[in-house]
């Protein structure tokens, strides 16, 4: 892994999570329903579109949803509204995925 890799992982994770949270903000507000297979596909697709490898994108999704519990649009929206919590979640996911 190059010295820039951790920063690239953080940047990718931040961009993806922000996009996911923004997409959750519809006119009726974020859903409390569990994230769907389509949400997963959209996350990984958006992540790989930034140039990240699919394995890294899968790892970030797993870290944020399964390991950290951000399993609905509402939870993601709540996460992004608290800057400290948001940065900590992204950092934990990036560190866990750094070998990917």
PDB file of N, CA and C in Angstrom:
ATOM      1  N   UNK A   1       0.856  -1.175   0.000  1.00  0.00           N
ATOM      2  CA  UNK A   1       0.000   0.000   0.000  1.00  0.00           C
ATOM      3  C   UNK A   1       0.897   1.233   0.000  1.00  0.00           C
ATOM      4  N   UNK A   2       0.577   2.179  -0.844  1.00  0.00           N
ATOM      5  CA  UNK A   2       1.348   3.409  -0.924  1.00  0.00           C
ATOM      6  C   UNK A   2       1.014   4.320   0.250  1.00  0.00           C
ATOM      7  N   UNK A   3       1.896   5.284   0.551  1.00  0.00           N
ATOM      8  CA  UNK A   3       1.596   6.210   1.650  1.00  0.00           C
ATOM      9  C   UNK A   3       0.300   6.983   1.441  1.00  0.00           C
ATOM     10  N   UNK A   4      -0.118   7.175   0.202  1.00  0.00           N
ATOM     11  CA  UNK A   4      -1.337   7.922  -0.070  1.00  0.00           C
ATOM     12  C   UNK A   4      -2.590   7.069   0.056  1.00  0.00           C
ATOM     13  N   UNK A   5      -2.430   5.769   0.121  1.00  0.00           N
ATOM     14  CA  UNK A   5      -3.590   4.869   0.137  1.00  0.00           C
ATOM     15  C   UNK A   5      -4.561   5.156   1.278  1.00  0.00           C
ATOM     16  N   UNK A   6      -4.115   5.337   2.533  1.00  0.00           N
ATOM     17  CA  UNK A   6      -5.090   5.621   3.602  1.00  0.00           C
ATOM     18  C   UNK A   6      -5.899   6.883   3.337  1.00  0.00           C
ATOM     19  N   UNK A   7      -5.263   7.913   2.796  1.00  0.00           N
ATOM     20  CA  UNK A   7      -5.994   9.147   2.478  1.00  0.00           C
ATOM     21  C   UNK A   7      -7.000   8.913   1.365  1.00  0.00           C
ATOM     22  N   UNK A   8      -6.621   8.094   0.379  1.00  0.00           N
ATOM     23  CA  UNK A   8      -7.526   7.787  -0.724  1.00  0.00           C
ATOM     24  C   UNK A   8      -8.717   6.996  -0.211  1.00  0.00           C
ATOM     25  N   UNK A   9      -8.484   6.062   0.710  1.00  0.00           N
ATOM     26  CA  UNK A   9      -9.573   5.283   1.296  1.00  0.00           C
ATOM     27  C   UNK A   9     -10.514   6.203   2.065  1.00  0.00           C
ATOM     28  N   UNK A  10      -9.957   7.106   2.870  1.00  0.00           N
ATOM     29  CA  UNK A  10     -10.784   8.050   3.622  1.00  0.00           C
ATOM     30  C   UNK A  10     -11.595   8.942   2.686  1.00  0.00           C
ATOM     31  N   UNK A  11     -10.956   9.428   1.651  1.00  0.00           N
ATOM     32  CA  UNK A  11     -11.657  10.304   0.712  1.00  0.00           C
ATOM     33  C   UNK A  11     -12.784   9.554   0.011  1.00  0.00           C
ATOM     34  N   UNK A  12     -12.508   8.325  -0.392  1.00  0.00           N
ATOM     35  CA  UNK A  12     -13.531   7.516  -1.059  1.00  0.00           C
ATOM     36  C   UNK A  12     -14.685   7.238  -0.116  1.00  0.00           C
ATOM     37  N   UNK A  13     -14.378   6.817   1.105  1.00  0.00           N
ATOM     38  CA  UNK A  13     -15.432   6.509   2.081  1.00  0.00           C
ATOM     39  C   UNK A  13     -16.276   7.742   2.384  1.00  0.00           C
ATOM     40  N   UNK A  14     -15.627   8.872   2.542  1.00  0.00           N
ATOM     41  CA  UNK A  14     -16.346  10.102   2.834  1.00  0.00           C
ATOM     42  C   UNK A  14     -17.274  10.476   1.681  1.00  0.00           C
ATOM     43  N   UNK A  15     -16.763  10.401   0.463  1.00  0.00           N
ATOM     44  CA  UNK A  15     -17.574  10.758  -0.702  1.00  0.00           C
ATOM     45  C   UNK A  15     -18.776   9.836  -0.843  1.00  0.00           C
ATOM     46  N   UNK A  16     -18.559   8.559  -0.656  1.00  0.00           N
ATOM     47  CA  UNK A  16     -19.642   7.589  -0.813  1.00  0.00           C
ATOM     48  C   UNK A  16     -20.693   7.767   0.271  1.00  0.00           C
ATOM     49  N   UNK A  17     -20.266   7.902   1.501  1.00  0.00           N
ATOM     50  CA  UNK A  17     -21.230   8.052   2.588  1.00  0.00           C
ATOM     51  C   UNK A  17     -22.013   9.345   2.448  1.00  0.00           C
ATOM     52  N   UNK A  18     -21.351  10.404   2.055  1.00  0.00           N
ATOM     53  CA  UNK A  18     -22.047  11.673   1.865  1.00  0.00           C
ATOM     54  C   UNK A  18     -23.080  11.565   0.751  1.00  0.00           C
ATOM     55  N   UNK A  19     -22.706  10.921  -0.347  1.00  0.00           N
ATOM     56  CA  UNK A  19     -23.643  10.752  -1.453  1.00  0.00           C
ATOM     57  C   UNK A  19     -24.822   9.881  -1.046  1.00  0.00           C
ATOM     58  N   UNK A  20     -24.557   8.846  -0.289  1.00  0.00           N
ATOM     59  CA  UNK A  20     -25.618   7.962   0.182  1.00  0.00           C
ATOM     60  C   UNK A  20     -26.572   8.718   1.089  1.00  0.00           C
ATOM     61  N   UNK A  21     -26.030   9.509   1.986  1.00  0.00           N
ATOM     62  CA  UNK A  21     -26.877  10.265   2.906  1.00  0.00           C
ATOM     63  C   UNK A  21     -27.693  11.318   2.166  1.00  0.00           C
ATOM     64  N   UNK A  22     -27.094  11.972   1.188  1.00  0.00           N
ATOM     65  CA  UNK A  22     -27.829  12.976   0.421  1.00  0.00           C
ATOM     66  C   UNK A  22     -28.945  12.336  -0.389  1.00  0.00           C
ATOM     67  N   UNK A  23     -28.684  11.165  -0.933  1.00  0.00           N
ATOM     68  CA  UNK A  23     -29.715  10.465  -1.706  1.00  0.00           C
ATOM     69  C   UNK A  23     -30.881  10.063  -0.813  1.00  0.00           C
ATOM     70  N   UNK A  24     -30.612   9.865   0.446  1.00  0.00           N
ATOM     71  CA  UNK A  24     -31.653   9.457   1.393  1.00  0.00           C
ATOM     72  C   UNK A  24     -32.611  10.593   1.725  1.00  0.00           C
ATOM     73  N   UNK A  25     -32.203  11.815   1.449  1.00  0.00           N
ATOM     74  CA  UNK A  25     -33.006  12.975   1.810  1.00  0.00           C
ATOM     75  C   UNK A  25     -34.006  13.313   0.716  1.00  0.00           C
ATOM     76  N   UNK A  26     -35.080  12.608   0.696  1.00  0.00           N
ATOM     77  CA  UNK A  26     -36.148  12.901  -0.257  1.00  0.00           C
ATOM     78  C   UNK A  26     -37.153  13.838   0.373  1.00  0.00           C
ATOM     79  N   UNK A  27     -38.201  14.127  -0.349  1.00  0.00           N
ATOM     80  CA  UNK A  27     -39.208  15.058   0.163  1.00  0.00           C
ATOM     81  C   UNK A  27     -39.922  14.508   1.385  1.00  0.00           C
ATOM     82  N   UNK A  28     -39.982  13.185   1.508  1.00  0.00           N
ATOM     83  CA  UNK A  28     -40.664  12.591   2.651  1.00  0.00           C
ATOM     84  C   UNK A  28     -39.700  12.275   3.794  1.00  0.00           C
ATOM     85  N   UNK A  29     -38.426  12.617   3.627  1.00  0.00           N
ATOM     86  CA  UNK A  29     -37.439  12.364   4.662  1.00  0.00           C
ATOM     87  C   UNK A  29     -36.836  10.974   4.524  1.00  0.00           C
ATOM     88  N   UNK A  30     -35.773  10.718   5.279  1.00  0.00           N
ATOM     89  CA  UNK A  30     -35.090   9.436   5.187  1.00  0.00           C
ATOM     90  C   UNK A  30     -35.948   8.299   5.742  1.00  0.00           C
ATOM     91  N   UNK A  31     -35.805   7.166   5.125  1.00  0.00           N
ATOM     92  CA  UNK A  31     -36.565   5.992   5.519  1.00  0.00           C
ATOM     93  C   UNK A  31     -35.914   5.278   6.696  1.00  0.00           C
ATOM     94  N   UNK A  32     -36.749   4.733   7.570  1.00  0.00           N
ATOM     95  CA  UNK A  32     -36.230   3.921   8.668  1.00  0.00           C
ATOM     96  C   UNK A  32     -36.198   2.451   8.277  1.00  0.00           C
ATOM     97  N   UNK A  33     -36.626   2.141   7.058  1.00  0.00           N
ATOM     98  CA  UNK A  33     -36.564   0.766   6.570  1.00  0.00           C
ATOM     99  C   UNK A  33     -35.114   0.360   6.375  1.00  0.00           C
ATOM    100  N   UNK A  34     -34.833  -0.931   6.508  1.00  0.00           N
ATOM    101  CA  UNK A  34     -33.458  -1.393   6.291  1.00  0.00           C
ATOM    102  C   UNK A  34     -32.978  -1.072   4.873  1.00  0.00           C
ATOM    103  N   UNK A  35     -31.673  -0.877   4.743  1.00  0.00           N
ATOM    104  CA  UNK A  35     -31.095  -0.685   3.426  1.00  0.00           C
ATOM    105  C   UNK A  35     -31.385  -1.921   2.579  1.00  0.00           C
ATOM    106  N   UNK A  36     -31.537  -1.731   1.302  1.00  0.00           N
ATOM    107  CA  UNK A  36     -31.904  -2.806   0.389  1.00  0.00           C
ATOM    108  C   UNK A  36     -30.695  -3.291  -0.416  1.00  0.00           C
ATOM    109  N   UNK A  37     -30.915  -4.362  -1.169  1.00  0.00           N
ATOM    110  CA  UNK A  37     -29.877  -4.848  -2.078  1.00  0.00           C
ATOM    111  C   UNK A  37     -29.530  -3.767  -3.098  1.00  0.00           C
ATOM    112  N   UNK A  38     -30.526  -2.988  -3.501  1.00  0.00           N
ATOM    113  CA  UNK A  38     -30.272  -1.900  -4.450  1.00  0.00           C
ATOM    114  C   UNK A  38     -29.405  -0.818  -3.819  1.00  0.00           C
ATOM    115  N   UNK A  39     -29.610  -0.537  -2.528  1.00  0.00           N
ATOM    116  CA  UNK A  39     -28.757   0.435  -1.828  1.00  0.00           C
ATOM    117  C   UNK A  39     -27.304  -0.048  -1.841  1.00  0.00           C
ATOM    118  N   UNK A  40     -27.124  -1.332  -1.599  1.00  0.00           N
ATOM    119  CA  UNK A  40     -25.788  -1.932  -1.619  1.00  0.00           C
ATOM    120  C   UNK A  40     -25.168  -1.789  -3.004  1.00  0.00           C
ATOM    121  N   UNK A  41     -25.929  -2.137  -4.024  1.00  0.00           N
ATOM    122  CA  UNK A  41     -25.449  -2.038  -5.400  1.00  0.00           C
ATOM    123  C   UNK A  41     -25.091  -0.595  -5.753  1.00  0.00           C
ATOM    124  N   UNK A  42     -25.930   0.336  -5.340  1.00  0.00           N
ATOM    125  CA  UNK A  42     -25.679   1.754  -5.611  1.00  0.00           C
ATOM    126  C   UNK A  42     -24.419   2.242  -4.889  1.00  0.00           C
ATOM    127  N   UNK A  43     -24.251   1.823  -3.647  1.00  0.00           N
ATOM    128  CA  UNK A  43     -23.077   2.215  -2.865  1.00  0.00           C
ATOM    129  C   UNK A  43     -21.810   1.725  -3.543  1.00  0.00           C
ATOM    130  N   UNK A  44     -21.774   0.431  -3.850  1.00  0.00           N
ATOM    131  CA  UNK A  44     -20.570  -0.161  -4.452  1.00  0.00           C
ATOM    132  C   UNK A  44     -20.328   0.441  -5.839  1.00  0.00           C
ATOM    133  N   UNK A  45     -21.401   0.647  -6.604  1.00  0.00           N
ATOM    134  CA  UNK A  45     -21.249   1.255  -7.924  1.00  0.00           C
ATOM    135  C   UNK A  45     -20.698   2.665  -7.847  1.00  0.00           C
ATOM    136  N   UNK A  46     -21.215   3.453  -6.923  1.00  0.00           N
ATOM    137  CA  UNK A  46     -20.722   4.811  -6.745  1.00  0.00           C
ATOM    138  C   UNK A  46     -19.281   4.827  -6.263  1.00  0.00           C
ATOM    139  N   UNK A  47     -18.972   3.911  -5.398  1.00  0.00           N
ATOM    140  CA  UNK A  47     -17.620   3.813  -4.850  1.00  0.00           C
ATOM    141  C   UNK A  47     -16.617   3.444  -5.946  1.00  0.00           C
ATOM    142  N   UNK A  48     -16.929   2.424  -6.731  1.00  0.00           N
ATOM    143  CA  UNK A  48     -16.012   2.023  -7.803  1.00  0.00           C
ATOM    144  C   UNK A  48     -15.914   3.108  -8.869  1.00  0.00           C
ATOM    145  N   UNK A  49     -16.962   3.889  -9.014  1.00  0.00           N
ATOM    146  CA  UNK A  49     -16.943   4.997  -9.977  1.00  0.00           C
ATOM    147  C   UNK A  49     -15.898   6.049  -9.587  1.00  0.00           C
ATOM    148  N   UNK A  50     -15.558   6.138  -8.315  1.00  0.00           N
ATOM    149  CA  UNK A  50     -14.531   7.080  -7.862  1.00  0.00           C
ATOM    150  C   UNK A  50     -13.124   6.557  -8.139  1.00  0.00           C
ATOM    151  N   UNK A  51     -13.040   5.303  -8.619  1.00  0.00           N
ATOM    152  CA  UNK A  51     -11.737   4.717  -8.917  1.00  0.00           C
ATOM    153  C   UNK A  51     -11.282   3.688  -7.900  1.00  0.00           C
ATOM    154  N   UNK A  52     -12.061   3.468  -6.868  1.00  0.00           N
ATOM    155  CA  UNK A  52     -11.693   2.483  -5.844  1.00  0.00           C
ATOM    156  C   UNK A  52     -11.959   1.072  -6.366  1.00  0.00           C
ATOM    157  N   UNK A  53     -11.221   0.118  -5.834  1.00  0.00           N
ATOM    158  CA  UNK A  53     -11.421  -1.281  -6.193  1.00  0.00           C
ATOM    159  C   UNK A  53     -12.708  -1.792  -5.558  1.00  0.00           C
ATOM    160  N   UNK A  54     -13.348  -2.732  -6.242  1.00  0.00           N
ATOM    161  CA  UNK A  54     -14.609  -3.299  -5.749  1.00  0.00           C
ATOM    162  C   UNK A  54     -14.448  -3.901  -4.351  1.00  0.00           C
ATOM    163  N   UNK A  55     -13.320  -4.556  -4.096  1.00  0.00           N
ATOM    164  CA  UNK A  55     -13.102  -5.181  -2.782  1.00  0.00           C
ATOM    165  C   UNK A  55     -13.087  -4.127  -1.667  1.00  0.00           C
ATOM    166  N   UNK A  56     -12.478  -2.982  -1.929  1.00  0.00           N
ATOM    167  CA  UNK A  56     -12.457  -1.899  -0.945  1.00  0.00           C
ATOM    168  C   UNK A  56     -13.870  -1.373  -0.719  1.00  0.00           C
ATOM    169  N   UNK A  57     -14.606  -1.200  -1.790  1.00  0.00           N
ATOM    170  CA  UNK A  57     -15.972  -0.683  -1.683  1.00  0.00           C
ATOM    171  C   UNK A  57     -16.857  -1.635  -0.883  1.00  0.00           C
ATOM    172  N   UNK A  58     -16.717  -2.927  -1.139  1.00  0.00           N
ATOM    173  CA  UNK A  58     -17.472  -3.925  -0.380  1.00  0.00           C
ATOM    174  C   UNK A  58     -17.098  -3.863   1.096  1.00  0.00           C
ATOM    175  N   UNK A  59     -15.821  -3.710   1.372  1.00  0.00           N
ATOM    176  CA  UNK A  59     -15.349  -3.636   2.756  1.00  0.00           C
ATOM    177  C   UNK A  59     -15.929  -2.406   3.454  1.00  0.00           C
ATOM    178  N   UNK A  60     -15.888  -1.262   2.793  1.00  0.00           N
ATOM    179  CA  UNK A  60     -16.431  -0.042   3.394  1.00  0.00           C
ATOM    180  C   UNK A  60     -17.915  -0.192   3.691  1.00  0.00           C
ATOM    181  N   UNK A  61     -18.645  -0.771   2.752  1.00  0.00           N
ATOM    182  CA  UNK A  61     -20.087  -0.968   2.952  1.00  0.00           C
ATOM    183  C   UNK A  61     -20.328  -1.883   4.159  1.00  0.00           C
ATOM    184  N   UNK A  62     -19.579  -2.970   4.225  1.00  0.00           N
ATOM    185  CA  UNK A  62     -19.729  -3.912   5.340  1.00  0.00           C
ATOM    186  C   UNK A  62     -19.379  -3.249   6.667  1.00  0.00           C
ATOM    187  N   UNK A  63     -18.304  -2.497   6.676  1.00  0.00           N
ATOM    188  CA  UNK A  63     -17.895  -1.821   7.909  1.00  0.00           C
ATOM    189  C   UNK A  63     -18.957  -0.837   8.389  1.00  0.00           C
ATOM    190  N   UNK A  64     -19.508  -0.073   7.478  1.00  0.00           N
ATOM    191  CA  UNK A  64     -20.483   0.944   7.866  1.00  0.00           C
ATOM    192  C   UNK A  64     -21.835   0.346   8.237  1.00  0.00           C
ATOM    193  N   UNK A  65     -22.224  -0.723   7.583  1.00  0.00           N
ATOM    194  CA  UNK A  65     -23.558  -1.291   7.827  1.00  0.00           C
ATOM    195  C   UNK A  65     -23.526  -2.402   8.868  1.00  0.00           C
ATOM    196  N   UNK A  66     -22.809  -3.464   8.584  1.00  0.00           N
ATOM    197  CA  UNK A  66     -22.803  -4.637   9.474  1.00  0.00           C
ATOM    198  C   UNK A  66     -22.048  -4.359  10.769  1.00  0.00           C
ATOM    199  N   UNK A  67     -20.851  -3.818  10.659  1.00  0.00           N
ATOM    200  CA  UNK A  67     -20.001  -3.623  11.842  1.00  0.00           C
ATOM    201  C   UNK A  67     -20.397  -2.406  12.673  1.00  0.00           C
ATOM    202  N   UNK A  68     -20.805  -1.310  12.023  1.00  0.00           N
ATOM    203  CA  UNK A  68     -21.126  -0.087  12.761  1.00  0.00           C
ATOM    204  C   UNK A  68     -22.620   0.164  12.907  1.00  0.00           C
ATOM    205  N   UNK A  69     -23.427  -0.598  12.188  1.00  0.00           N
ATOM    206  CA  UNK A  69     -24.871  -0.521  12.388  1.00  0.00           C
ATOM    207  C   UNK A  69     -25.624   0.564  11.654  1.00  0.00           C
ATOM    208  N   UNK A  70     -25.021   1.179  10.648  1.00  0.00           N
ATOM    209  CA  UNK A  70     -25.734   2.186   9.865  1.00  0.00           C
ATOM    210  C   UNK A  70     -26.520   1.465   8.773  1.00  0.00           C
ATOM    211  N   UNK A  71     -27.685   0.976   9.156  1.00  0.00           N
ATOM    212  CA  UNK A  71     -28.439   0.032   8.329  1.00  0.00           C
ATOM    213  C   UNK A  71     -29.711   0.602   7.708  1.00  0.00           C
ATOM    214  N   UNK A  72     -29.905   1.912   7.781  1.00  0.00           N
ATOM    215  CA  UNK A  72     -31.071   2.542   7.155  1.00  0.00           C
ATOM    216  C   UNK A  72     -30.690   3.949   6.710  1.00  0.00           C
ATOM    217  N   UNK A  73     -31.500   4.494   5.806  1.00  0.00           N
ATOM    218  CA  UNK A  73     -31.284   5.870   5.375  1.00  0.00           C
ATOM    219  C   UNK A  73     -31.318   6.819   6.567  1.00  0.00           C
ATOM    220  N   UNK A  74     -32.232   6.585   7.475  1.00  0.00           N
ATOM    221  CA  UNK A  74     -32.364   7.457   8.646  1.00  0.00           C
ATOM    222  C   UNK A  74     -31.093   7.438   9.495  1.00  0.00           C
ATOM    223  N   UNK A  75     -30.518   6.249   9.695  1.00  0.00           N
ATOM    224  CA  UNK A  75     -29.287   6.162  10.492  1.00  0.00           C
ATOM    225  C   UNK A  75     -28.124   6.843   9.790  1.00  0.00           C
ATOM    226  N   UNK A  76     -28.046   6.707   8.462  1.00  0.00           N
ATOM    227  CA  UNK A  76     -26.987   7.387   7.714  1.00  0.00           C
ATOM    228  C   UNK A  76     -27.154   8.896   7.776  1.00  0.00           C
ATOM    229  N   UNK A  77     -28.378   9.363   7.687  1.00  0.00           N
ATOM    230  CA  UNK A  77     -28.645  10.792   7.765  1.00  0.00           C
ATOM    231  C   UNK A  77     -28.280  11.329   9.143  1.00  0.00           C
ATOM    232  N   UNK A  78     -28.623  10.592  10.180  1.00  0.00           N
ATOM    233  CA  UNK A  78     -28.254  10.984  11.545  1.00  0.00           C
ATOM    234  C   UNK A  78     -26.739  11.036  11.689  1.00  0.00           C
ATOM    235  N   UNK A  79     -26.057  10.058  11.122  1.00  0.00           N
ATOM    236  CA  UNK A  79     -24.598  10.020  11.191  1.00  0.00           C
ATOM    237  C   UNK A  79     -23.994  11.267  10.549  1.00  0.00           C
ATOM    238  N   UNK A  80     -24.444  11.622   9.363  1.00  0.00           N
ATOM    239  CA  UNK A  80     -23.840  12.751   8.664  1.00  0.00           C
ATOM    240  C   UNK A  80     -24.184  14.099   9.281  1.00  0.00           C
ATOM    241  N   UNK A  81     -25.167  14.129  10.164  1.00  0.00           N
ATOM    242  CA  UNK A  81     -25.522  15.398  10.814  1.00  0.00           C
ATOM    243  C   UNK A  81     -24.639  15.704  12.023  1.00  0.00           C
ATOM    244  N   UNK A  82     -23.848  14.730  12.463  1.00  0.00           N
ATOM    245  CA  UNK A  82     -22.948  14.913  13.603  1.00  0.00           C
ATOM    246  C   UNK A  82     -21.512  14.766  13.089  1.00  0.00           C
ATOM    247  N   UNK A  83     -20.828  15.885  12.871  1.00  0.00           N
ATOM    248  CA  UNK A  83     -19.509  15.873  12.252  1.00  0.00           C
ATOM    249  C   UNK A  83     -18.511  14.990  12.979  1.00  0.00           C
ATOM    250  N   UNK A  84     -18.480  15.054  14.283  1.00  0.00           N
ATOM    251  CA  UNK A  84     -17.529  14.253  15.057  1.00  0.00           C
ATOM    252  C   UNK A  84     -17.808  12.765  14.880  1.00  0.00           C
ATOM    253  N   UNK A  85     -19.055  12.399  15.019  1.00  0.00           N
ATOM    254  CA  UNK A  85     -19.448  10.998  14.864  1.00  0.00           C
ATOM    255  C   UNK A  85     -19.196  10.519  13.433  1.00  0.00           C
ATOM    256  N   UNK A  86     -19.488  11.385  12.478  1.00  0.00           N
ATOM    257  CA  UNK A  86     -19.305  11.080  11.060  1.00  0.00           C
ATOM    258  C   UNK A  86     -17.844  10.773  10.753  1.00  0.00           C
ATOM    259  N   UNK A  87     -16.949  11.652  11.184  1.00  0.00           N
ATOM    260  CA  UNK A  87     -15.529  11.448  10.928  1.00  0.00           C
ATOM    261  C   UNK A  87     -15.009  10.194  11.627  1.00  0.00           C
ATOM    262  N   UNK A  88     -15.476   9.935  12.820  1.00  0.00           N
ATOM    263  CA  UNK A  88     -15.042   8.742  13.547  1.00  0.00           C
ATOM    264  C   UNK A  88     -15.495   7.468  12.830  1.00  0.00           C
ATOM    265  N   UNK A  89     -16.718   7.450  12.324  1.00  0.00           N
ATOM    266  CA  UNK A  89     -17.229   6.273  11.608  1.00  0.00           C
ATOM    267  C   UNK A  89     -16.443   6.031  10.333  1.00  0.00           C
ATOM    268  N   UNK A  90     -16.173   7.089   9.597  1.00  0.00           N
ATOM    269  CA  UNK A  90     -15.405   6.975   8.357  1.00  0.00           C
ATOM    270  C   UNK A  90     -13.995   6.472   8.664  1.00  0.00           C
ATOM    271  N   UNK A  91     -13.376   7.026   9.688  1.00  0.00           N
ATOM    272  CA  UNK A  91     -12.021   6.616  10.053  1.00  0.00           C
ATOM    273  C   UNK A  91     -11.984   5.139  10.454  1.00  0.00           C
ATOM    274  N   UNK A  92     -12.954   4.696  11.265  1.00  0.00           N
ATOM    275  CA  UNK A  92     -12.992   3.279  11.659  1.00  0.00           C
ATOM    276  C   UNK A  92     -13.134   2.377  10.446  1.00  0.00           C
ATOM    277  N   UNK A  93     -14.003   2.753   9.518  1.00  0.00           N
ATOM    278  CA  UNK A  93     -14.198   1.949   8.303  1.00  0.00           C
ATOM    279  C   UNK A  93     -12.935   1.926   7.461  1.00  0.00           C
ATOM    280  N   UNK A  94     -12.304   3.076   7.295  1.00  0.00           N
ATOM    281  CA  UNK A  94     -11.095   3.156   6.476  1.00  0.00           C
ATOM    282  C   UNK A  94      -9.955   2.342   7.083  1.00  0.00           C
ATOM    283  N   UNK A  95      -9.780   2.443   8.392  1.00  0.00           N
ATOM    284  CA  UNK A  95      -8.723   1.681   9.059  1.00  0.00           C
ATOM    285  C   UNK A  95      -8.982   0.178   8.917  1.00  0.00           C
ATOM    286  N   UNK A  96     -10.214  -0.226   9.094  1.00  0.00           N
ATOM    287  CA  UNK A  96     -10.548  -1.644   8.977  1.00  0.00           C
ATOM    288  C   UNK A  96     -10.340  -2.163   7.553  1.00  0.00           C
ATOM    289  N   UNK A  97     -10.455  -1.277   6.576  1.00  0.00           N
ATOM    290  CA  UNK A  97     -10.350  -1.681   5.166  1.00  0.00           C
ATOM    291  C   UNK A  97      -8.984  -1.392   4.551  1.00  0.00           C
ATOM    292  N   UNK A  98      -8.052  -0.901   5.316  1.00  0.00           N
ATOM    293  CA  UNK A  98      -6.781  -0.445   4.733  1.00  0.00           C
ATOM    294  C   UNK A  98      -5.998  -1.538   4.027  1.00  0.00           C
ATOM    295  N   UNK A  99      -6.152  -2.784   4.421  1.00  0.00           N
ATOM    296  CA  UNK A  99      -5.427  -3.876   3.778  1.00  0.00           C
ATOM    297  C   UNK A  99      -6.138  -4.376   2.523  1.00  0.00           C
ATOM    298  N   UNK A 100      -7.309  -3.832   2.234  1.00  0.00           N
ATOM    299  CA  UNK A 100      -8.101  -4.298   1.099  1.00  0.00           C
ATOM    300  C   UNK A 100      -7.610  -3.711  -0.194  1.00  0.00           C
TER     301      UNK A 100
END
